[in-house]
PDB file of all heavy atoms in Angstrom:
ATOM      1  N   VAL A   1     -33.002  63.262 152.603  1.00  0.00           N
ATOM      2  CA  VAL A   1     -31.852  62.610 151.987  1.00  0.00           C
ATOM      3  C   VAL A   1     -30.525  63.322 152.509  1.00  0.00           C
ATOM      4  O   VAL A   1     -30.581  64.490 152.429  1.00  0.00           O
ATOM      5  CB  VAL A   1     -31.836  62.603 150.475  1.00  0.00           C
ATOM      6  CG1 VAL A   1     -30.590  61.797 149.972  1.00  0.00           C
ATOM      7  CG2 VAL A   1     -33.097  61.899 149.979  1.00  0.00           C
ATOM      8  N   VAL A   2     -29.651  62.561 153.049  1.00  0.00           N
ATOM      9  CA  VAL A   2     -28.369  63.120 153.460  1.00  0.00           C
ATOM     10  C   VAL A   2     -27.348  62.608 152.449  1.00  0.00           C
ATOM     11  O   VAL A   2     -27.170  61.410 152.295  1.00  0.00           O
ATOM     12  CB  VAL A   2     -27.977  62.636 154.906  1.00  0.00           C
ATOM     13  CG1 VAL A   2     -26.530  63.275 155.259  1.00  0.00           C
ATOM     14  CG2 VAL A   2     -29.005  63.071 155.911  1.00  0.00           C
ATOM     15  N   LEU A   3     -26.719  63.663 151.818  1.00  0.00           N
ATOM     16  CA  LEU A   3     -25.745  63.278 150.672  1.00  0.00           C
ATOM     17  C   LEU A   3     -24.318  63.616 151.151  1.00  0.00           C
ATOM     18  O   LEU A   3     -24.068  64.759 151.646  1.00  0.00           O
ATOM     19  CB  LEU A   3     -26.107  64.082 149.459  1.00  0.00           C
ATOM     20  CG  LEU A   3     -27.610  64.003 149.013  1.00  0.00           C
ATOM     21  CD1 LEU A   3     -28.136  65.370 148.645  1.00  0.00           C
ATOM     22  CD2 LEU A   3     -27.641  63.031 147.813  1.00  0.00           C
ATOM     23  N   SER A   4     -23.385  62.642 150.935  1.00  0.00           N
ATOM     24  CA  SER A   4     -22.081  62.858 151.398  1.00  0.00           C
ATOM     25  C   SER A   4     -21.142  63.384 150.259  1.00  0.00           C
ATOM     26  O   SER A   4     -20.972  62.816 149.235  1.00  0.00           O
ATOM     27  CB  SER A   4     -21.443  61.526 151.877  1.00  0.00           C
ATOM     28  OG  SER A   4     -22.205  61.052 152.947  1.00  0.00           O
ATOM     29  N   LEU A   5     -20.723  64.695 150.444  1.00  0.00           N
ATOM     30  CA  LEU A   5     -19.832  65.345 149.520  1.00  0.00           C
ATOM     31  C   LEU A   5     -19.023  66.341 150.383  1.00  0.00           C
ATOM     32  O   LEU A   5     -19.565  67.131 151.001  1.00  0.00           O
ATOM     33  CB  LEU A   5     -20.692  66.144 148.475  1.00  0.00           C
ATOM     34  CG  LEU A   5     -19.807  66.773 147.408  1.00  0.00           C
ATOM     35  CD1 LEU A   5     -18.906  65.810 146.544  1.00  0.00           C
ATOM     36  CD2 LEU A   5     -20.777  67.617 146.422  1.00  0.00           C
ATOM     37  N   ASP A   6     -17.679  66.219 150.349  1.00  0.00           N
ATOM     38  CA  ASP A   6     -16.861  66.821 151.304  1.00  0.00           C
ATOM     39  C   ASP A   6     -16.476  68.289 150.847  1.00  0.00           C
ATOM     40  O   ASP A   6     -15.923  69.038 151.634  1.00  0.00           O
ATOM     41  CB  ASP A   6     -15.550  66.032 151.496  1.00  0.00           C
ATOM     42  CG  ASP A   6     -15.775  64.919 152.467  1.00  0.00           C
ATOM     43  OD1 ASP A   6     -16.884  64.805 153.019  1.00  0.00           O
ATOM     44  OD2 ASP A   6     -14.819  64.127 152.689  1.00  0.00           O
ATOM     45  N   GLY A   7     -16.813  68.690 149.656  1.00  0.00           N
ATOM     46  CA  GLY A   7     -16.459  70.060 149.201  1.00  0.00           C
ATOM     47  C   GLY A   7     -15.720  70.005 147.902  1.00  0.00           C
ATOM     48  O   GLY A   7     -16.033  69.349 146.925  1.00  0.00           O
ATOM     49  N   ARG A   8     -14.524  70.730 147.824  1.00  0.00           N
ATOM     50  CA  ARG A   8     -13.796  70.864 146.650  1.00  0.00           C
ATOM     51  C   ARG A   8     -13.345  69.424 146.164  1.00  0.00           C
ATOM     52  O   ARG A   8     -13.144  68.572 147.047  1.00  0.00           O
ATOM     53  CB  ARG A   8     -12.561  71.772 146.880  1.00  0.00           C
ATOM     54  CG  ARG A   8     -12.924  73.233 147.271  1.00  0.00           C
ATOM     55  CD  ARG A   8     -11.856  73.951 147.873  1.00  0.00           C
ATOM     56  NE  ARG A   8     -11.540  73.391 149.250  1.00  0.00           N
ATOM     57  CZ  ARG A   8     -10.572  73.879 149.991  1.00  0.00           C
ATOM     58  NH1 ARG A   8      -9.817  74.887 149.539  1.00  0.00           N
ATOM     59  NH2 ARG A   8     -10.382  73.361 151.191  1.00  0.00           N
ATOM     60  N   LYS A   9     -13.018  69.333 144.907  1.00  0.00           N
ATOM     61  CA  LYS A   9     -12.564  68.078 144.368  1.00  0.00           C
ATOM     62  C   LYS A   9     -11.379  67.479 145.138  1.00  0.00           C
ATOM     63  O   LYS A   9     -11.340  66.325 145.428  1.00  0.00           O
ATOM     64  CB  LYS A   9     -12.331  68.196 142.840  1.00  0.00           C
ATOM     65  CG  LYS A   9     -11.699  66.856 142.219  1.00  0.00           C
ATOM     66  CD  LYS A   9     -11.498  67.111 140.731  1.00  0.00           C
ATOM     67  CE  LYS A   9     -10.694  65.973 140.189  1.00  0.00           C
ATOM     68  NZ  LYS A   9     -11.392  64.699 140.271  1.00  0.00           N
ATOM     69  N   GLU A  10     -10.309  68.303 145.367  1.00  0.00           N
ATOM     70  CA  GLU A  10      -9.187  67.758 145.962  1.00  0.00           C
ATOM     71  C   GLU A  10      -9.392  67.392 147.452  1.00  0.00           C
ATOM     72  O   GLU A  10      -8.789  66.450 147.933  1.00  0.00           O
ATOM     73  CB  GLU A  10      -8.051  68.865 145.983  1.00  0.00           C
ATOM     74  CG  GLU A  10      -8.400  70.219 146.712  1.00  0.00           C
ATOM     75  CD  GLU A  10      -8.976  71.250 145.688  1.00  0.00           C
ATOM     76  OE1 GLU A  10      -9.615  70.794 144.805  1.00  0.00           O
ATOM     77  OE2 GLU A  10      -8.838  72.444 146.044  1.00  0.00           O
ATOM     78  N   THR A  11     -10.385  68.057 148.072  1.00  0.00           N
ATOM     79  CA  THR A  11     -10.747  67.615 149.462  1.00  0.00           C
ATOM     80  C   THR A  11     -11.446  66.343 149.450  1.00  0.00           C
ATOM     81  O   THR A  11     -11.192  65.485 150.234  1.00  0.00           O
ATOM     82  CB  THR A  11     -11.593  68.768 150.094  1.00  0.00           C
ATOM     83  OG1 THR A  11     -10.862  70.011 150.212  1.00  0.00           O
ATOM     84  CG2 THR A  11     -12.073  68.352 151.482  1.00  0.00           C
ATOM     85  N   HIS A  12     -12.518  66.216 148.579  1.00  0.00           N
ATOM     86  CA  HIS A  12     -13.311  65.039 148.564  1.00  0.00           C
ATOM     87  C   HIS A  12     -12.450  63.905 148.127  1.00  0.00           C
ATOM     88  O   HIS A  12     -12.569  62.766 148.737  1.00  0.00           O
ATOM     89  CB  HIS A  12     -14.435  65.217 147.539  1.00  0.00           C
ATOM     90  CG  HIS A  12     -15.376  64.056 147.379  1.00  0.00           C
ATOM     91  ND1 HIS A  12     -16.591  64.121 148.225  1.00  0.00           N
ATOM     92  CD2 HIS A  12     -15.431  63.053 146.703  1.00  0.00           C
ATOM     93  CE1 HIS A  12     -17.154  62.923 147.891  1.00  0.00           C
ATOM     94  NE2 HIS A  12     -16.540  62.280 147.001  1.00  0.00           N
ATOM     95  N   ASP A  13     -11.680  63.893 147.089  1.00  0.00           N
ATOM     96  CA  ASP A  13     -10.901  62.815 146.540  1.00  0.00           C
ATOM     97  C   ASP A  13      -9.788  62.382 147.460  1.00  0.00           C
ATOM     98  O   ASP A  13      -9.287  61.258 147.345  1.00  0.00           O
ATOM     99  CB  ASP A  13     -10.370  63.199 145.128  1.00  0.00           C
ATOM    100  CG  ASP A  13     -11.403  63.112 144.078  1.00  0.00           C
ATOM    101  OD1 ASP A  13     -12.514  62.689 144.394  1.00  0.00           O
ATOM    102  OD2 ASP A  13     -11.194  63.552 142.992  1.00  0.00           O
ATOM    103  N   ARG A  14      -9.395  63.271 148.380  1.00  0.00           N
ATOM    104  CA  ARG A  14      -8.346  62.804 149.338  1.00  0.00           C
ATOM    105  C   ARG A  14      -8.826  61.707 150.258  1.00  0.00           C
ATOM    106  O   ARG A  14      -7.986  60.878 150.644  1.00  0.00           O
ATOM    107  CB  ARG A  14      -7.896  64.079 150.150  1.00  0.00           C
ATOM    108  CG  ARG A  14      -6.725  63.823 151.122  1.00  0.00           C
ATOM    109  CD  ARG A  14      -6.342  65.076 151.993  1.00  0.00           C
ATOM    110  NE  ARG A  14      -5.911  66.185 151.084  1.00  0.00           N
ATOM    111  CZ  ARG A  14      -6.586  67.269 150.924  1.00  0.00           C
ATOM    112  NH1 ARG A  14      -7.739  67.518 151.585  1.00  0.00           N
ATOM    113  NH2 ARG A  14      -6.083  68.240 150.106  1.00  0.00           N
ATOM    114  N   MET A  15     -10.007  61.751 150.615  1.00  0.00           N
ATOM    115  CA  MET A  15     -10.515  60.831 151.671  1.00  0.00           C
ATOM    116  C   MET A  15     -11.550  59.793 151.094  1.00  0.00           C
ATOM    117  O   MET A  15     -11.657  58.684 151.598  1.00  0.00           O
ATOM    118  CB  MET A  15     -11.085  61.532 152.860  1.00  0.00           C
ATOM    119  CG  MET A  15     -10.087  62.496 153.546  1.00  0.00           C
ATOM    120  SD  MET A  15      -8.622  61.738 154.220  1.00  0.00           S
ATOM    121  CE  MET A  15      -9.279  60.749 155.592  1.00  0.00           C
ATOM    122  N   ARG A  16     -12.402  60.229 150.218  1.00  0.00           N
ATOM    123  CA  ARG A  16     -13.515  59.509 149.752  1.00  0.00           C
ATOM    124  C   ARG A  16     -13.179  58.807 148.437  1.00  0.00           C
ATOM    125  O   ARG A  16     -13.509  59.258 147.403  1.00  0.00           O
ATOM    126  CB  ARG A  16     -14.787  60.337 149.588  1.00  0.00           C
ATOM    127  CG  ARG A  16     -15.213  60.976 150.950  1.00  0.00           C
ATOM    128  CD  ARG A  16     -16.474  61.640 150.949  1.00  0.00           C
ATOM    129  NE  ARG A  16     -17.614  60.770 150.661  1.00  0.00           N
ATOM    130  CZ  ARG A  16     -18.169  60.053 151.733  1.00  0.00           C
ATOM    131  NH1 ARG A  16     -17.769  60.184 153.042  1.00  0.00           N
ATOM    132  NH2 ARG A  16     -19.091  59.183 151.468  1.00  0.00           N
ATOM    133  N   VAL A  17     -12.650  57.649 148.517  1.00  0.00           N
ATOM    134  CA  VAL A  17     -12.065  56.923 147.367  1.00  0.00           C
ATOM    135  C   VAL A  17     -12.719  55.563 147.099  1.00  0.00           C
ATOM    136  O   VAL A  17     -13.365  55.004 148.058  1.00  0.00           O
ATOM    137  CB  VAL A  17     -10.523  56.622 147.620  1.00  0.00           C
ATOM    138  CG1 VAL A  17      -9.710  57.978 147.762  1.00  0.00           C
ATOM    139  CG2 VAL A  17     -10.282  55.724 148.837  1.00  0.00           C
ATOM    140  N   ALA A  18     -12.680  55.184 145.927  1.00  0.00           N
ATOM    141  CA  ALA A  18     -13.170  53.808 145.572  1.00  0.00           C
ATOM    142  C   ALA A  18     -12.337  52.760 145.983  1.00  0.00           C
ATOM    143  O   ALA A  18     -11.104  52.958 146.332  1.00  0.00           O
ATOM    144  CB  ALA A  18     -13.410  53.837 143.998  1.00  0.00           C
ATOM    145  N   PRO A  19     -12.756  51.453 145.887  1.00  0.00           N
ATOM    146  CA  PRO A  19     -11.906  50.395 146.351  1.00  0.00           C
ATOM    147  C   PRO A  19     -10.608  50.301 145.670  1.00  0.00           C
ATOM    148  O   PRO A  19      -9.463  49.949 146.251  1.00  0.00           O
ATOM    149  CB  PRO A  19     -12.667  49.175 145.949  1.00  0.00           C
ATOM    150  CG  PRO A  19     -14.092  49.575 146.191  1.00  0.00           C
ATOM    151  CD  PRO A  19     -14.099  50.982 145.625  1.00  0.00           C
ATOM    152  N   GLY A  20     -10.432  50.872 144.373  1.00  0.00           N
ATOM    153  CA  GLY A  20      -9.129  50.862 143.680  1.00  0.00           C
ATOM    154  C   GLY A  20      -8.268  52.037 144.079  1.00  0.00           C
ATOM    155  O   GLY A  20      -7.065  52.070 143.645  1.00  0.00           O
ATOM    156  N   GLY A  21      -8.783  52.981 144.937  1.00  0.00           N
ATOM    157  CA  GLY A  21      -7.994  54.109 145.408  1.00  0.00           C
ATOM    158  C   GLY A  21      -8.215  55.380 144.705  1.00  0.00           C
ATOM    159  O   GLY A  21      -7.636  56.480 145.072  1.00  0.00           O
ATOM    160  N   CYS A  22      -8.991  55.414 143.612  1.00  0.00           N
ATOM    161  CA  CYS A  22      -9.251  56.707 142.869  1.00  0.00           C
ATOM    162  C   CYS A  22     -10.342  57.415 143.503  1.00  0.00           C
ATOM    163  O   CYS A  22     -11.252  56.885 144.244  1.00  0.00           O
ATOM    164  CB  CYS A  22      -9.669  56.437 141.430  1.00  0.00           C
ATOM    165  SG  CYS A  22     -11.157  55.425 141.229  1.00  0.00           S
ATOM    166  N   GLY A  23     -10.354  58.773 143.362  1.00  0.00           N
ATOM    167  CA  GLY A  23     -11.307  59.627 144.071  1.00  0.00           C
ATOM    168  C   GLY A  23     -12.655  59.494 143.391  1.00  0.00           C
ATOM    169  O   GLY A  23     -12.786  58.965 142.251  1.00  0.00           O
ATOM    170  N   SER A  24     -13.663  59.798 144.135  1.00  0.00           N
ATOM    171  CA  SER A  24     -15.089  59.652 143.682  1.00  0.00           C
ATOM    172  C   SER A  24     -15.867  60.948 143.321  1.00  0.00           C
ATOM    173  O   SER A  24     -17.007  60.985 142.969  1.00  0.00           O
ATOM    174  CB  SER A  24     -15.917  58.928 144.745  1.00  0.00           C
ATOM    175  OG  SER A  24     -15.901  59.650 145.999  1.00  0.00           O
ATOM    176  N   TYR A  25     -15.142  62.154 143.415  1.00  0.00           N
ATOM    177  CA  TYR A  25     -15.863  63.391 143.148  1.00  0.00           C
ATOM    178  C   TYR A  25     -16.480  63.447 141.833  1.00  0.00           C
ATOM    179  O   TYR A  25     -17.674  63.935 141.728  1.00  0.00           O
ATOM    180  CB  TYR A  25     -14.815  64.575 143.238  1.00  0.00           C
ATOM    181  CG  TYR A  25     -15.389  65.913 143.106  1.00  0.00           C
ATOM    182  CD1 TYR A  25     -15.982  66.660 144.245  1.00  0.00           C
ATOM    183  CD2 TYR A  25     -15.514  66.506 141.832  1.00  0.00           C
ATOM    184  CE1 TYR A  25     -16.516  67.921 143.996  1.00  0.00           C
ATOM    185  CE2 TYR A  25     -16.116  67.731 141.625  1.00  0.00           C
ATOM    186  CZ  TYR A  25     -16.616  68.454 142.729  1.00  0.00           C
ATOM    187  OH  TYR A  25     -17.197  69.681 142.467  1.00  0.00           O
ATOM    188  N   ASP A  26     -15.771  63.081 140.830  1.00  0.00           N
ATOM    189  CA  ASP A  26     -16.398  63.179 139.432  1.00  0.00           C
ATOM    190  C   ASP A  26     -17.572  62.350 139.181  1.00  0.00           C
ATOM    191  O   ASP A  26     -18.357  62.587 138.244  1.00  0.00           O
ATOM    192  CB  ASP A  26     -15.244  62.796 138.336  1.00  0.00           C
ATOM    193  CG  ASP A  26     -14.133  63.852 138.316  1.00  0.00           C
ATOM    194  OD1 ASP A  26     -14.408  64.972 138.739  1.00  0.00           O
ATOM    195  OD2 ASP A  26     -12.977  63.486 137.880  1.00  0.00           O
ATOM    196  N   VAL A  27     -17.756  61.288 140.029  1.00  0.00           N
ATOM    197  CA  VAL A  27     -19.032  60.561 139.935  1.00  0.00           C
ATOM    198  C   VAL A  27     -20.099  61.117 140.792  1.00  0.00           C
ATOM    199  O   VAL A  27     -21.315  61.250 140.456  1.00  0.00           O
ATOM    200  CB  VAL A  27     -18.763  59.123 140.336  1.00  0.00           C
ATOM    201  CG1 VAL A  27     -20.106  58.343 140.472  1.00  0.00           C
ATOM    202  CG2 VAL A  27     -17.789  58.393 139.327  1.00  0.00           C
ATOM    203  N   VAL A  28     -19.710  61.497 141.969  1.00  0.00           N
ATOM    204  CA  VAL A  28     -20.592  61.913 143.053  1.00  0.00           C
ATOM    205  C   VAL A  28     -21.212  63.335 142.831  1.00  0.00           C
ATOM    206  O   VAL A  28     -22.441  63.518 142.949  1.00  0.00           O
ATOM    207  CB  VAL A  28     -19.976  61.817 144.441  1.00  0.00           C
ATOM    208  CG1 VAL A  28     -20.819  62.550 145.535  1.00  0.00           C
ATOM    209  CG2 VAL A  28     -19.740  60.422 144.829  1.00  0.00           C
ATOM    210  N   ALA A  29     -20.305  64.315 142.502  1.00  0.00           N
ATOM    211  CA  ALA A  29     -20.771  65.739 142.538  1.00  0.00           C
ATOM    212  C   ALA A  29     -21.864  65.828 141.435  1.00  0.00           C
ATOM    213  O   ALA A  29     -22.809  66.604 141.758  1.00  0.00           O
ATOM    214  CB  ALA A  29     -19.551  66.637 142.159  1.00  0.00           C
ATOM    215  N   PRO A  30     -21.783  65.366 140.136  1.00  0.00           N
ATOM    216  CA  PRO A  30     -22.890  65.576 139.245  1.00  0.00           C
ATOM    217  C   PRO A  30     -24.162  64.960 139.779  1.00  0.00           C
ATOM    218  O   PRO A  30     -25.288  65.531 139.560  1.00  0.00           O
ATOM    219  CB  PRO A  30     -22.432  64.788 137.987  1.00  0.00           C
ATOM    220  CG  PRO A  30     -20.844  64.832 138.125  1.00  0.00           C
ATOM    221  CD  PRO A  30     -20.649  64.682 139.517  1.00  0.00           C
ATOM    222  N   HIS A  31     -24.095  63.820 140.409  1.00  0.00           N
ATOM    223  CA  HIS A  31     -25.269  63.292 140.955  1.00  0.00           C
ATOM    224  C   HIS A  31     -25.875  64.150 142.056  1.00  0.00           C
ATOM    225  O   HIS A  31     -27.207  64.367 142.176  1.00  0.00           O
ATOM    226  CB  HIS A  31     -25.058  61.893 141.636  1.00  0.00           C
ATOM    227  CG  HIS A  31     -24.746  60.762 140.659  1.00  0.00           C
ATOM    228  ND1 HIS A  31     -24.386  59.530 140.932  1.00  0.00           N
ATOM    229  CD2 HIS A  31     -24.709  60.806 139.279  1.00  0.00           C
ATOM    230  CE1 HIS A  31     -24.136  58.831 139.868  1.00  0.00           C
ATOM    231  NE2 HIS A  31     -24.344  59.542 138.812  1.00  0.00           N
ATOM    232  N   VAL A  32     -25.152  64.662 142.921  1.00  0.00           N
ATOM    233  CA  VAL A  32     -25.604  65.572 143.922  1.00  0.00           C
ATOM    234  C   VAL A  32     -26.184  66.876 143.371  1.00  0.00           C
ATOM    235  O   VAL A  32     -27.286  67.268 143.777  1.00  0.00           O
ATOM    236  CB  VAL A  32     -24.485  65.938 144.889  1.00  0.00           C
ATOM    237  CG1 VAL A  32     -24.818  67.098 145.890  1.00  0.00           C
ATOM    238  CG2 VAL A  32     -24.040  64.706 145.732  1.00  0.00           C
ATOM    239  N   ARG A  33     -25.491  67.342 142.363  1.00  0.00           N
ATOM    240  CA  ARG A  33     -25.979  68.638 141.740  1.00  0.00           C
ATOM    241  C   ARG A  33     -27.312  68.456 141.136  1.00  0.00           C
ATOM    242  O   ARG A  33     -28.240  69.237 141.342  1.00  0.00           O
ATOM    243  CB  ARG A  33     -24.963  69.192 140.791  1.00  0.00           C
ATOM    244  CG  ARG A  33     -23.667  69.675 141.292  1.00  0.00           C
ATOM    245  CD  ARG A  33     -22.715  70.215 140.282  1.00  0.00           C
ATOM    246  NE  ARG A  33     -23.206  71.447 139.764  1.00  0.00           N
ATOM    247  CZ  ARG A  33     -22.533  72.282 139.029  1.00  0.00           C
ATOM    248  NH1 ARG A  33     -21.185  72.032 138.754  1.00  0.00           N
ATOM    249  NH2 ARG A  33     -22.961  73.406 138.532  1.00  0.00           N
ATOM    250  N   ARG A  34     -27.521  67.383 140.333  1.00  0.00           N
ATOM    251  CA  ARG A  34     -28.715  67.118 139.753  1.00  0.00           C
ATOM    252  C   ARG A  34     -29.836  66.820 140.732  1.00  0.00           C
ATOM    253  O   ARG A  34     -31.004  67.268 140.506  1.00  0.00           O
ATOM    254  CB  ARG A  34     -28.567  65.947 138.773  1.00  0.00           C
ATOM    255  CG  ARG A  34     -29.737  65.644 137.847  1.00  0.00           C
ATOM    256  CD  ARG A  34     -29.436  64.720 136.772  1.00  0.00           C
ATOM    257  NE  ARG A  34     -28.906  63.404 137.199  1.00  0.00           N
ATOM    258  CZ  ARG A  34     -27.702  62.967 137.070  1.00  0.00           C
ATOM    259  NH1 ARG A  34     -26.763  63.805 136.487  1.00  0.00           N
ATOM    260  NH2 ARG A  34     -27.291  61.821 137.506  1.00  0.00           N
TER     261      ARG A  34
END
């Protein structure tokens, strides 16, 4: 499995956004960690 996570929250949320424009770190990072 290749999991996309760019690093620090500010880094990830700058580029990896939901359709509405908000960052996705708070959703993605817990899934990746688990």
